[in-house]
PDB file of all heavy atoms in Angstrom:
ATOM      1  N   ARG A   1     -22.317 -15.311 -66.213  1.00  0.00           N
ATOM      2  CA  ARG A   1     -23.281 -16.172 -65.554  1.00  0.00           C
ATOM      3  C   ARG A   1     -24.695 -15.719 -65.893  1.00  0.00           C
ATOM      4  O   ARG A   1     -25.582 -16.541 -66.048  1.00  0.00           O
ATOM      5  CB  ARG A   1     -23.058 -16.271 -64.074  1.00  0.00           C
ATOM      6  CG  ARG A   1     -23.981 -17.282 -63.382  1.00  0.00           C
ATOM      7  CD  ARG A   1     -23.549 -17.475 -61.890  1.00  0.00           C
ATOM      8  NE  ARG A   1     -23.856 -16.265 -61.116  1.00  0.00           N
ATOM      9  CZ  ARG A   1     -23.571 -16.163 -59.791  1.00  0.00           C
ATOM     10  NH1 ARG A   1     -23.004 -17.197 -59.184  1.00  0.00           N
ATOM     11  NH2 ARG A   1     -23.898 -15.073 -59.146  1.00  0.00           N
ATOM     12  N   SER A   2     -25.019 -14.416 -65.783  1.00  0.00           N
ATOM     13  CA  SER A   2     -26.374 -13.908 -66.002  1.00  0.00           C
ATOM     14  C   SER A   2     -26.893 -14.335 -67.441  1.00  0.00           C
ATOM     15  O   SER A   2     -28.031 -14.672 -67.582  1.00  0.00           O
ATOM     16  CB  SER A   2     -26.400 -12.401 -65.849  1.00  0.00           C
ATOM     17  OG  SER A   2     -25.557 -11.795 -66.770  1.00  0.00           O
ATOM     18  N   VAL A   3     -25.969 -14.277 -68.389  1.00  0.00           N
ATOM     19  CA  VAL A   3     -26.332 -14.692 -69.786  1.00  0.00           C
ATOM     20  C   VAL A   3     -26.602 -16.166 -69.853  1.00  0.00           C
ATOM     21  O   VAL A   3     -27.662 -16.585 -70.417  1.00  0.00           O
ATOM     22  CB  VAL A   3     -25.258 -14.292 -70.742  1.00  0.00           C
ATOM     23  CG1 VAL A   3     -25.551 -14.771 -72.158  1.00  0.00           C
ATOM     24  CG2 VAL A   3     -25.123 -12.801 -70.824  1.00  0.00           C
ATOM     25  N   GLU A   4     -25.737 -16.949 -69.229  1.00  0.00           N
ATOM     26  CA  GLU A   4     -25.977 -18.404 -69.286  1.00  0.00           C
ATOM     27  C   GLU A   4     -27.253 -18.832 -68.560  1.00  0.00           C
ATOM     28  O   GLU A   4     -27.969 -19.703 -69.057  1.00  0.00           O
ATOM     29  CB  GLU A   4     -24.748 -19.108 -68.612  1.00  0.00           C
ATOM     30  CG  GLU A   4     -23.432 -18.895 -69.425  1.00  0.00           C
ATOM     31  CD  GLU A   4     -22.245 -19.492 -68.698  1.00  0.00           C
ATOM     32  OE1 GLU A   4     -22.341 -19.800 -67.556  1.00  0.00           O
ATOM     33  OE2 GLU A   4     -21.163 -19.625 -69.421  1.00  0.00           O
ATOM     34  N   GLU A   5     -27.526 -18.156 -67.424  1.00  0.00           N
ATOM     35  CA  GLU A   5     -28.810 -18.484 -66.709  1.00  0.00           C
ATOM     36  C   GLU A   5     -29.975 -18.093 -67.538  1.00  0.00           C
ATOM     37  O   GLU A   5     -31.000 -18.828 -67.545  1.00  0.00           O
ATOM     38  CB  GLU A   5     -28.745 -17.838 -65.322  1.00  0.00           C
ATOM     39  CG  GLU A   5     -27.697 -18.333 -64.427  1.00  0.00           C
ATOM     40  CD  GLU A   5     -27.623 -17.575 -63.094  1.00  0.00           C
ATOM     41  OE1 GLU A   5     -28.278 -16.523 -63.052  1.00  0.00           O
ATOM     42  OE2 GLU A   5     -26.956 -18.079 -62.091  1.00  0.00           O
ATOM     43  N   PHE A   6     -29.907 -16.988 -68.130  1.00  0.00           N
ATOM     44  CA  PHE A   6     -31.023 -16.484 -68.973  1.00  0.00           C
ATOM     45  C   PHE A   6     -31.274 -17.503 -70.119  1.00  0.00           C
ATOM     46  O   PHE A   6     -32.458 -17.791 -70.478  1.00  0.00           O
ATOM     47  CB  PHE A   6     -30.753 -15.048 -69.458  1.00  0.00           C
ATOM     48  CG  PHE A   6     -31.907 -14.495 -70.183  1.00  0.00           C
ATOM     49  CD1 PHE A   6     -33.110 -14.102 -69.599  1.00  0.00           C
ATOM     50  CD2 PHE A   6     -31.824 -14.259 -71.543  1.00  0.00           C
ATOM     51  CE1 PHE A   6     -34.171 -13.567 -70.304  1.00  0.00           C
ATOM     52  CE2 PHE A   6     -32.863 -13.694 -72.313  1.00  0.00           C
ATOM     53  CZ  PHE A   6     -34.061 -13.312 -71.658  1.00  0.00           C
ATOM     54  N   GLU A   7     -30.192 -17.851 -70.772  1.00  0.00           N
ATOM     55  CA  GLU A   7     -30.284 -18.768 -71.913  1.00  0.00           C
ATOM     56  C   GLU A   7     -30.919 -20.097 -71.483  1.00  0.00           C
ATOM     57  O   GLU A   7     -31.787 -20.698 -72.192  1.00  0.00           O
ATOM     58  CB  GLU A   7     -28.956 -18.990 -72.565  1.00  0.00           C
ATOM     59  CG  GLU A   7     -28.450 -17.803 -73.277  1.00  0.00           C
ATOM     60  CD  GLU A   7     -27.001 -17.937 -73.756  1.00  0.00           C
ATOM     61  OE1 GLU A   7     -26.291 -18.806 -73.266  1.00  0.00           O
ATOM     62  OE2 GLU A   7     -26.649 -17.190 -74.769  1.00  0.00           O
ATOM     63  N   GLU A   8     -30.504 -20.600 -70.281  1.00  0.00           N
ATOM     64  CA  GLU A   8     -31.072 -21.884 -69.830  1.00  0.00           C
ATOM     65  C   GLU A   8     -32.562 -21.711 -69.535  1.00  0.00           C
ATOM     66  O   GLU A   8     -33.314 -22.639 -69.810  1.00  0.00           O
ATOM     67  CB  GLU A   8     -30.342 -22.273 -68.545  1.00  0.00           C
ATOM     68  CG  GLU A   8     -28.951 -22.851 -68.789  1.00  0.00           C
ATOM     69  CD  GLU A   8     -28.966 -24.052 -69.757  1.00  0.00           C
ATOM     70  OE1 GLU A   8     -29.857 -24.940 -69.556  1.00  0.00           O
ATOM     71  OE2 GLU A   8     -28.175 -24.036 -70.721  1.00  0.00           O
ATOM     72  N   LYS A   9     -33.006 -20.590 -69.045  1.00  0.00           N
ATOM     73  CA  LYS A   9     -34.455 -20.367 -68.773  1.00  0.00           C
ATOM     74  C   LYS A   9     -35.182 -20.277 -70.033  1.00  0.00           C
ATOM     75  O   LYS A   9     -36.347 -20.737 -70.182  1.00  0.00           O
ATOM     76  CB  LYS A   9     -34.658 -19.152 -67.864  1.00  0.00           C
ATOM     77  CG  LYS A   9     -34.231 -19.424 -66.375  1.00  0.00           C
ATOM     78  CD  LYS A   9     -34.540 -18.298 -65.513  1.00  0.00           C
ATOM     79  CE  LYS A   9     -34.238 -18.609 -64.021  1.00  0.00           C
ATOM     80  NZ  LYS A   9     -34.524 -17.485 -63.131  1.00  0.00           N
ATOM     81  N   LEU A  10     -34.629 -19.573 -71.069  1.00  0.00           N
ATOM     82  CA  LEU A  10     -35.305 -19.488 -72.386  1.00  0.00           C
ATOM     83  C   LEU A  10     -35.576 -20.935 -72.867  1.00  0.00           C
ATOM     84  O   LEU A  10     -36.606 -21.143 -73.428  1.00  0.00           O
ATOM     85  CB  LEU A  10     -34.415 -18.701 -73.338  1.00  0.00           C
ATOM     86  CG  LEU A  10     -34.343 -17.215 -73.120  1.00  0.00           C
ATOM     87  CD1 LEU A  10     -33.364 -16.622 -74.176  1.00  0.00           C
ATOM     88  CD2 LEU A  10     -35.708 -16.495 -73.268  1.00  0.00           C
ATOM     89  N   LYS A  11     -34.555 -21.817 -72.780  1.00  0.00           N
ATOM     90  CA  LYS A  11     -34.704 -23.181 -73.238  1.00  0.00           C
ATOM     91  C   LYS A  11     -35.713 -23.942 -72.446  1.00  0.00           C
ATOM     92  O   LYS A  11     -36.570 -24.618 -72.928  1.00  0.00           O
ATOM     93  CB  LYS A  11     -33.345 -23.821 -73.359  1.00  0.00           C
ATOM     94  CG  LYS A  11     -32.443 -23.227 -74.490  1.00  0.00           C
ATOM     95  CD  LYS A  11     -31.162 -23.992 -74.642  1.00  0.00           C
ATOM     96  CE  LYS A  11     -30.199 -23.683 -73.572  1.00  0.00           C
ATOM     97  NZ  LYS A  11     -28.802 -24.262 -73.824  1.00  0.00           N
ATOM     98  N   SER A  12     -35.495 -23.899 -71.117  1.00  0.00           N
ATOM     99  CA  SER A  12     -36.347 -24.780 -70.241  1.00  0.00           C
ATOM    100  C   SER A  12     -37.802 -24.332 -70.236  1.00  0.00           C
ATOM    101  O   SER A  12     -38.740 -25.164 -70.054  1.00  0.00           O
ATOM    102  CB  SER A  12     -35.821 -24.762 -68.836  1.00  0.00           C
ATOM    103  OG  SER A  12     -35.917 -23.467 -68.240  1.00  0.00           O
ATOM    104  N   MET A  13     -38.071 -23.024 -70.488  1.00  0.00           N
ATOM    105  CA  MET A  13     -39.448 -22.554 -70.485  1.00  0.00           C
ATOM    106  C   MET A  13     -40.068 -22.548 -71.915  1.00  0.00           C
ATOM    107  O   MET A  13     -41.137 -22.107 -72.089  1.00  0.00           O
ATOM    108  CB  MET A  13     -39.484 -21.117 -69.947  1.00  0.00           C
ATOM    109  CG  MET A  13     -39.156 -21.034 -68.435  1.00  0.00           C
ATOM    110  SD  MET A  13     -39.293 -19.335 -67.793  1.00  0.00           S
ATOM    111  CE  MET A  13     -39.100 -19.566 -66.006  1.00  0.00           C
ATOM    112  N   HIS A  14     -39.287 -23.003 -72.860  1.00  0.00           N
ATOM    113  CA  HIS A  14     -39.742 -23.158 -74.219  1.00  0.00           C
ATOM    114  C   HIS A  14     -40.255 -21.845 -74.805  1.00  0.00           C
ATOM    115  O   HIS A  14     -41.293 -21.700 -75.402  1.00  0.00           O
ATOM    116  CB  HIS A  14     -40.790 -24.236 -74.382  1.00  0.00           C
ATOM    117  CG  HIS A  14     -40.345 -25.589 -73.853  1.00  0.00           C
ATOM    118  ND1 HIS A  14     -39.404 -26.304 -74.424  1.00  0.00           N
ATOM    119  CD2 HIS A  14     -40.734 -26.184 -72.651  1.00  0.00           C
ATOM    120  CE1 HIS A  14     -39.242 -27.494 -73.695  1.00  0.00           C
ATOM    121  NE2 HIS A  14     -40.002 -27.373 -72.633  1.00  0.00           N
ATOM    122  N   VAL A  15     -39.451 -20.781 -74.567  1.00  0.00           N
ATOM    123  CA  VAL A  15     -39.790 -19.369 -75.005  1.00  0.00           C
ATOM    124  C   VAL A  15     -39.681 -19.314 -76.555  1.00  0.00           C
ATOM    125  O   VAL A  15     -38.741 -19.777 -77.168  1.00  0.00           O
ATOM    126  CB  VAL A  15     -38.892 -18.325 -74.354  1.00  0.00           C
ATOM    127  CG1 VAL A  15     -39.117 -16.969 -74.905  1.00  0.00           C
ATOM    128  CG2 VAL A  15     -39.153 -18.320 -72.776  1.00  0.00           C
ATOM    129  N   ASP A  16     -40.731 -18.680 -77.168  1.00  0.00           N
ATOM    130  CA  ASP A  16     -40.769 -18.614 -78.580  1.00  0.00           C
ATOM    131  C   ASP A  16     -40.407 -17.164 -79.094  1.00  0.00           C
ATOM    132  O   ASP A  16     -40.076 -17.065 -80.241  1.00  0.00           O
ATOM    133  CB  ASP A  16     -42.215 -18.895 -79.114  1.00  0.00           C
ATOM    134  CG  ASP A  16     -42.589 -20.340 -78.827  1.00  0.00           C
ATOM    135  OD1 ASP A  16     -41.876 -21.283 -79.276  1.00  0.00           O
ATOM    136  OD2 ASP A  16     -43.550 -20.528 -78.060  1.00  0.00           O
ATOM    137  N   ALA A  17     -40.522 -16.208 -78.267  1.00  0.00           N
ATOM    138  CA  ALA A  17     -40.166 -14.826 -78.561  1.00  0.00           C
ATOM    139  C   ALA A  17     -39.791 -14.009 -77.365  1.00  0.00           C
ATOM    140  O   ALA A  17     -40.224 -14.353 -76.257  1.00  0.00           O
ATOM    141  CB  ALA A  17     -41.322 -14.157 -79.295  1.00  0.00           C
ATOM    142  N   VAL A  18     -38.913 -12.982 -77.571  1.00  0.00           N
ATOM    143  CA  VAL A  18     -38.422 -12.165 -76.445  1.00  0.00           C
ATOM    144  C   VAL A  18     -38.751 -10.687 -76.771  1.00  0.00           C
ATOM    145  O   VAL A  18     -38.364 -10.259 -77.901  1.00  0.00           O
ATOM    146  CB  VAL A  18     -36.940 -12.344 -76.073  1.00  0.00           C
ATOM    147  CG1 VAL A  18     -36.457 -11.274 -75.170  1.00  0.00           C
ATOM    148  CG2 VAL A  18     -36.758 -13.760 -75.570  1.00  0.00           C
ATOM    149  N   ILE A  19     -39.320  -9.970 -75.873  1.00  0.00           N
ATOM    150  CA  ILE A  19     -39.512  -8.550 -75.967  1.00  0.00           C
ATOM    151  C   ILE A  19     -38.792  -7.944 -74.844  1.00  0.00           C
ATOM    152  O   ILE A  19     -39.026  -8.240 -73.638  1.00  0.00           O
ATOM    153  CB  ILE A  19     -41.009  -8.146 -75.841  1.00  0.00           C
ATOM    154  CG1 ILE A  19     -41.786  -8.876 -76.979  1.00  0.00           C
ATOM    155  CG2 ILE A  19     -41.230  -6.632 -75.977  1.00  0.00           C
ATOM    156  CD1 ILE A  19     -43.348  -8.718 -76.754  1.00  0.00           C
ATOM    157  N   ALA A  20     -37.801  -7.043 -75.065  1.00  0.00           N
ATOM    158  CA  ALA A  20     -36.944  -6.474 -74.058  1.00  0.00           C
ATOM    159  C   ALA A  20     -36.984  -4.966 -74.090  1.00  0.00           C
ATOM    160  O   ALA A  20     -37.190  -4.337 -75.143  1.00  0.00           O
ATOM    161  CB  ALA A  20     -35.465  -7.019 -74.163  1.00  0.00           C
ATOM    162  N   GLY A  21     -36.765  -4.374 -72.934  1.00  0.00           N
ATOM    163  CA  GLY A  21     -36.700  -2.898 -72.838  1.00  0.00           C
ATOM    164  C   GLY A  21     -36.704  -2.500 -71.357  1.00  0.00           C
ATOM    165  O   GLY A  21     -36.809  -3.289 -70.539  1.00  0.00           O
ATOM    166  N   ASN A  22     -36.576  -1.193 -71.158  1.00  0.00           N
ATOM    167  CA  ASN A  22     -36.657  -0.122 -72.210  1.00  0.00           C
ATOM    168  C   ASN A  22     -35.256   0.541 -72.303  1.00  0.00           C
ATOM    169  O   ASN A  22     -34.709   0.979 -71.279  1.00  0.00           O
ATOM    170  CB  ASN A  22     -37.649   0.919 -71.823  1.00  0.00           C
ATOM    171  CG  ASN A  22     -39.142   0.332 -71.785  1.00  0.00           C
ATOM    172  OD1 ASN A  22     -39.462  -0.462 -72.714  1.00  0.00           O
ATOM    173  ND2 ASN A  22     -39.908   0.595 -70.785  1.00  0.00           N
ATOM    174  N   GLY A  23     -34.754   0.644 -73.471  1.00  0.00           N
ATOM    175  CA  GLY A  23     -33.504   1.303 -73.757  1.00  0.00           C
ATOM    176  C   GLY A  23     -33.681   2.801 -73.816  1.00  0.00           C
ATOM    177  O   GLY A  23     -34.169   3.369 -74.774  1.00  0.00           O
ATOM    178  N   GLY A  24     -33.229   3.488 -72.702  1.00  0.00           N
ATOM    179  CA  GLY A  24     -33.414   4.936 -72.697  1.00  0.00           C
ATOM    180  C   GLY A  24     -32.145   5.711 -72.242  1.00  0.00           C
ATOM    181  O   GLY A  24     -32.278   6.866 -72.027  1.00  0.00           O
ATOM    182  N   CYS A  25     -31.086   5.010 -72.118  1.00  0.00           N
ATOM    183  CA  CYS A  25     -29.791   5.641 -71.784  1.00  0.00           C
ATOM    184  C   CYS A  25     -28.663   4.853 -72.368  1.00  0.00           C
ATOM    185  O   CYS A  25     -28.858   3.773 -72.832  1.00  0.00           O
ATOM    186  CB  CYS A  25     -29.608   5.824 -70.312  1.00  0.00           C
ATOM    187  SG  CYS A  25     -29.101   4.383 -69.436  1.00  0.00           S
ATOM    188  N   GLY A  26     -27.471   5.405 -72.309  1.00  0.00           N
ATOM    189  CA  GLY A  26     -26.285   4.818 -72.950  1.00  0.00           C
ATOM    190  C   GLY A  26     -25.839   3.567 -72.350  1.00  0.00           C
ATOM    191  O   GLY A  26     -25.157   2.716 -72.989  1.00  0.00           O
ATOM    192  N   LEU A  27     -26.084   3.311 -71.045  1.00  0.00           N
ATOM    193  CA  LEU A  27     -25.689   2.074 -70.385  1.00  0.00           C
ATOM    194  C   LEU A  27     -26.799   1.060 -70.318  1.00  0.00           C
ATOM    195  O   LEU A  27     -26.545  -0.126 -70.433  1.00  0.00           O
ATOM    196  CB  LEU A  27     -25.225   2.397 -69.016  1.00  0.00           C
ATOM    197  CG  LEU A  27     -23.894   3.192 -68.819  1.00  0.00           C
ATOM    198  CD1 LEU A  27     -23.506   3.366 -67.401  1.00  0.00           C
ATOM    199  CD2 LEU A  27     -22.832   2.531 -69.585  1.00  0.00           C
ATOM    200  N   CYS A  28     -28.041   1.524 -70.224  1.00  0.00           N
ATOM    201  CA  CYS A  28     -29.151   0.519 -70.083  1.00  0.00           C
ATOM    202  C   CYS A  28     -29.545  -0.014 -71.518  1.00  0.00           C
ATOM    203  O   CYS A  28     -29.989  -1.176 -71.563  1.00  0.00           O
ATOM    204  CB  CYS A  28     -30.439   1.163 -69.496  1.00  0.00           C
ATOM    205  SG  CYS A  28     -31.184   2.493 -70.472  1.00  0.00           S
ATOM    206  N   THR A  29     -29.295   0.654 -72.533  1.00  0.00           N
ATOM    207  CA  THR A  29     -29.650   0.075 -73.902  1.00  0.00           C
ATOM    208  C   THR A  29     -28.837  -1.134 -74.225  1.00  0.00           C
ATOM    209  O   THR A  29     -29.451  -2.121 -74.631  1.00  0.00           O
ATOM    210  CB  THR A  29     -29.492   1.189 -74.937  1.00  0.00           C
ATOM    211  OG1 THR A  29     -30.303   2.363 -74.599  1.00  0.00           O
ATOM    212  CG2 THR A  29     -29.861   0.709 -76.317  1.00  0.00           C
ATOM    213  N   PRO A  30     -27.553  -1.156 -74.046  1.00  0.00           N
ATOM    214  CA  PRO A  30     -26.818  -2.415 -74.299  1.00  0.00           C
ATOM    215  C   PRO A  30     -27.253  -3.519 -73.284  1.00  0.00           C
ATOM    216  O   PRO A  30     -27.274  -4.673 -73.664  1.00  0.00           O
ATOM    217  CB  PRO A  30     -25.337  -1.989 -74.101  1.00  0.00           C
ATOM    218  CG  PRO A  30     -25.267  -0.544 -74.315  1.00  0.00           C
ATOM    219  CD  PRO A  30     -26.582  -0.033 -73.835  1.00  0.00           C
ATOM    220  N   LYS A  31     -27.516  -3.095 -72.089  1.00  0.00           N
ATOM    221  CA  LYS A  31     -27.990  -4.119 -71.096  1.00  0.00           C
ATOM    222  C   LYS A  31     -29.285  -4.767 -71.577  1.00  0.00           C
ATOM    223  O   LYS A  31     -29.343  -6.025 -71.463  1.00  0.00           O
ATOM    224  CB  LYS A  31     -28.152  -3.496 -69.736  1.00  0.00           C
ATOM    225  CG  LYS A  31     -28.631  -4.348 -68.602  1.00  0.00           C
ATOM    226  CD  LYS A  31     -28.750  -3.627 -67.358  1.00  0.00           C
ATOM    227  CE  LYS A  31     -29.868  -2.637 -67.355  1.00  0.00           C
ATOM    228  NZ  LYS A  31     -30.048  -1.955 -66.039  1.00  0.00           N
ATOM    229  N   GLU A  32     -30.235  -4.041 -71.977  1.00  0.00           N
ATOM    230  CA  GLU A  32     -31.532  -4.610 -72.393  1.00  0.00           C
ATOM    231  C   GLU A  32     -31.356  -5.315 -73.725  1.00  0.00           C
ATOM    232  O   GLU A  32     -32.040  -6.365 -73.934  1.00  0.00           O
ATOM    233  CB  GLU A  32     -32.589  -3.577 -72.518  1.00  0.00           C
ATOM    234  CG  GLU A  32     -32.797  -2.814 -71.177  1.00  0.00           C
ATOM    235  CD  GLU A  32     -33.250  -3.623 -69.971  1.00  0.00           C
ATOM    236  OE1 GLU A  32     -33.395  -4.863 -70.093  1.00  0.00           O
ATOM    237  OE2 GLU A  32     -33.309  -3.101 -68.853  1.00  0.00           O
ATOM    238  N   THR A  33     -30.509  -4.820 -74.594  1.00  0.00           N
ATOM    239  CA  THR A  33     -30.274  -5.517 -75.908  1.00  0.00           C
ATOM    240  C   THR A  33     -29.656  -6.865 -75.697  1.00  0.00           C
ATOM    241  O   THR A  33     -29.860  -7.803 -76.476  1.00  0.00           O
ATOM    242  CB  THR A  33     -29.394  -4.593 -76.798  1.00  0.00           C
ATOM    243  OG1 THR A  33     -29.981  -3.315 -76.925  1.00  0.00           O
ATOM    244  CG2 THR A  33     -29.285  -5.224 -78.226  1.00  0.00           C
ATOM    245  N   GLY A  34     -28.922  -7.015 -74.605  1.00  0.00           N
ATOM    246  CA  GLY A  34     -28.270  -8.354 -74.352  1.00  0.00           C
ATOM    247  C   GLY A  34     -29.245  -9.450 -74.294  1.00  0.00           C
ATOM    248  O   GLY A  34     -28.953 -10.602 -74.623  1.00  0.00           O
ATOM    249  N   SER A  35     -30.463  -9.245 -73.761  1.00  0.00           N
ATOM    250  CA  SER A  35     -31.473 -10.294 -73.688  1.00  0.00           C
ATOM    251  C   SER A  35     -31.915 -10.702 -75.117  1.00  0.00           C
ATOM    252  O   SER A  35     -32.189 -11.889 -75.413  1.00  0.00           O
ATOM    253  CB  SER A  35     -32.706  -9.820 -72.878  1.00  0.00           C
ATOM    254  OG  SER A  35     -32.390  -9.601 -71.541  1.00  0.00           O
ATOM    255  N   CYS A  36     -32.050  -9.711 -76.006  1.00  0.00           N
ATOM    256  CA  CYS A  36     -32.402 -10.023 -77.438  1.00  0.00           C
ATOM    257  C   CYS A  36     -31.287 -10.749 -78.127  1.00  0.00           C
ATOM    258  O   CYS A  36     -31.502 -11.730 -78.903  1.00  0.00           O
ATOM    259  CB  CYS A  36     -32.676  -8.716 -78.130  1.00  0.00           C
ATOM    260  SG  CYS A  36     -34.104  -7.830 -77.619  1.00  0.00           S
ATOM    261  N   ILE A  37     -30.006 -10.368 -77.842  1.00  0.00           N
ATOM    262  CA  ILE A  37     -28.844 -11.097 -78.402  1.00  0.00           C
ATOM    263  C   ILE A  37     -28.871 -12.562 -78.015  1.00  0.00           C
ATOM    264  O   ILE A  37     -28.687 -13.425 -78.846  1.00  0.00           O
ATOM    265  CB  ILE A  37     -27.498 -10.327 -78.073  1.00  0.00           C
ATOM    266  CG1 ILE A  37     -27.495  -8.988 -78.638  1.00  0.00           C
ATOM    267  CG2 ILE A  37     -26.301 -11.173 -78.569  1.00  0.00           C
ATOM    268  CD1 ILE A  37     -26.386  -8.099 -78.104  1.00  0.00           C
TER     269      ILE A  37
END
């Protein structure tokens, strides 16, 4: 659900670029990379 909601907001807000972070541990890095994916 969190991915689907984020994708819907990217589209509805007409986002042109995403900057995500900060990846500084083994669990948070995949979590923050998820927004970029």
